[in-house]
């Protein structure tokens, strides 16, 4: 960061001259811990599961969906709740720390939803069923991609120069679309689950 940009940044966040480096280090430590927690949330459930059997087929069904659907539902539902909470704070509750709270809720919510997506892929694999065979699974994959794009755009909002307005609008609308699709897909998932478990 050039001295001119650093001076303007410090002025925009109202930091005293001597406190910039301390603030920057606290920020790095916080985001390092946050990334570690997010990675643990994504990788932990998958690592806790046993390795899938190399044998595939209808006889494997009971090893997958009937066993692991609660983990899938729990992670996706938690992600949805956190994403909606982050949206409400950014849209309606802009208090002093709203921005930091919004970031935390959206990152952790996205991590939970994406972890739930991976659990879903894993349990379908264990069940011996083909992937992306219905609208619930296809929309789930689209949601995972949209969440990653939305979080990435959110990261670049304050770092963009000429395109800041476009990045901000894209971030907002992709976030809203992701949440709306997630709500619809949770309903579809519960419908398909009730049909599958009656087999």
Foldseek 3Di string as FASTA:
>chain_A
DDPVVVVVVCVVVVHPPPCPVVVVVVVVVVVVVLVVVLVCLQVVVVVPDDDADPDADQVQQCVFCVVQVVLLLVLLVQLLVLLVVLLCLVPPNPDPCNVVSSLSSLSNSLSSLVSSLVSVVVRCVSNRHDAPPDPLRVLSVVLNVLSVLLNVLVVCLVVDDPCNVVSVVSNVVSSVVSSVSSVVSSVVVVVVSVVVVVD
